[in-house]
Amino acid sequence: MINPFQVIFGLLLIFFLPGFTFVKALFPRKEELDEEFGTLYQIVLGIGMS
């Protein structure tokens, strides 16, 4: 039987983590993105890059 926690964790690893690490490598400092929306940009770009 499939555990819902495993599904959520697996989807997170597949669709978010690779892109987020790529964005963190491209923009290592917080000042490189807009200060107000920096975290939001990183999350959205992380999902988009995956």
C-alpha atoms as a PDB file:
ATOM      1  CA  MET A   1       0.000   0.000   0.000  1.00  0.00           C
ATOM      2  CA  ILE A   2       1.229   3.479  -0.852  1.00  0.00           C
ATOM      3  CA  ASN A   3       1.852   5.791   2.069  1.00  0.00           C
ATOM      4  CA  PRO A   4       0.672   9.402   1.431  1.00  0.00           C
ATOM      5  CA  PHE A   5       3.786  10.727   3.185  1.00  0.00           C
ATOM      6  CA  GLN A   6       5.980   8.826   0.722  1.00  0.00           C
ATOM      7  CA  VAL A   7       4.045  10.244  -2.224  1.00  0.00           C
ATOM      8  CA  ILE A   8       4.364  13.830  -0.978  1.00  0.00           C
ATOM      9  CA  PHE A   9       8.050  13.368  -0.183  1.00  0.00           C
ATOM     10  CA  GLY A  10       8.691  11.764  -3.578  1.00  0.00           C
ATOM     11  CA  LEU A  11       6.907  14.534  -5.461  1.00  0.00           C
ATOM     12  CA  LEU A  12       8.882  17.112  -3.510  1.00  0.00           C
ATOM     13  CA  LEU A  13      12.137  15.413  -4.463  1.00  0.00           C
ATOM     14  CA  ILE A  14      11.183  15.109  -8.122  1.00  0.00           C
ATOM     15  CA  PHE A  15       9.488  18.449  -8.813  1.00  0.00           C
ATOM     16  CA  PHE A  16      11.084  20.921  -6.417  1.00  0.00           C
ATOM     17  CA  LEU A  17      14.486  19.985  -5.041  1.00  0.00           C
ATOM     18  CA  PRO A  18      16.509  19.786  -8.299  1.00  0.00           C
ATOM     19  CA  GLY A  19      15.302  23.159  -9.521  1.00  0.00           C
ATOM     20  CA  PHE A  20      15.663  24.805  -6.124  1.00  0.00           C
ATOM     21  CA  THR A  21      19.280  23.677  -5.780  1.00  0.00           C
ATOM     22  CA  PHE A  22      19.972  24.942  -9.308  1.00  0.00           C
ATOM     23  CA  VAL A  23      18.483  28.350  -8.444  1.00  0.00           C
ATOM     24  CA  LYS A  24      20.505  28.468  -5.212  1.00  0.00           C
ATOM     25  CA  ALA A  25      23.638  27.776  -7.270  1.00  0.00           C
ATOM     26  CA  LEU A  26      22.782  30.571  -9.723  1.00  0.00           C
ATOM     27  CA  PHE A  27      21.851  33.109  -7.038  1.00  0.00           C
ATOM     28  CA  PRO A  28      23.904  32.237  -3.943  1.00  0.00           C
ATOM     29  CA  ARG A  29      23.385  35.603  -2.236  1.00  0.00           C
ATOM     30  CA  LYS A  30      20.001  36.948  -1.207  1.00  0.00           C
ATOM     31  CA  GLU A  31      20.882  40.413  -2.512  1.00  0.00           C
ATOM     32  CA  GLU A  32      20.917  39.176  -6.110  1.00  0.00           C
ATOM     33  CA  LEU A  33      17.137  38.870  -6.140  1.00  0.00           C
ATOM     34  CA  ASP A  34      14.555  41.397  -5.005  1.00  0.00           C
ATOM     35  CA  GLU A  35      14.663  41.582  -1.202  1.00  0.00           C
ATOM     36  CA  GLU A  36      10.901  41.637  -0.771  1.00  0.00           C
ATOM     37  CA  PHE A  37      10.123  38.632  -2.973  1.00  0.00           C
ATOM     38  CA  GLY A  38      13.477  36.787  -2.903  1.00  0.00           C
ATOM     39  CA  THR A  39      12.155  33.633  -1.243  1.00  0.00           C
ATOM     40  CA  LEU A  40       9.069  33.571  -3.444  1.00  0.00           C
ATOM     41  CA  TYR A  41      11.224  33.946  -6.560  1.00  0.00           C
ATOM     42  CA  GLN A  42      13.461  31.088  -5.443  1.00  0.00           C
ATOM     43  CA  ILE A  43      10.511  28.779  -4.811  1.00  0.00           C
ATOM     44  CA  VAL A  44       8.784  29.596  -8.107  1.00  0.00           C
ATOM     45  CA  LEU A  45      12.019  29.332 -10.091  1.00  0.00           C
ATOM     46  CA  GLY A  46      12.823  26.089  -8.284  1.00  0.00           C
ATOM     47  CA  ILE A  47       9.541  24.539  -9.376  1.00  0.00           C
ATOM     48  CA  GLY A  48       9.915  25.944 -12.882  1.00  0.00           C
ATOM     49  CA  MET A  49      13.461  24.659 -13.324  1.00  0.00           C
ATOM     50  CA  SER A  50      12.561  21.117 -12.240  1.00  0.00           C
END
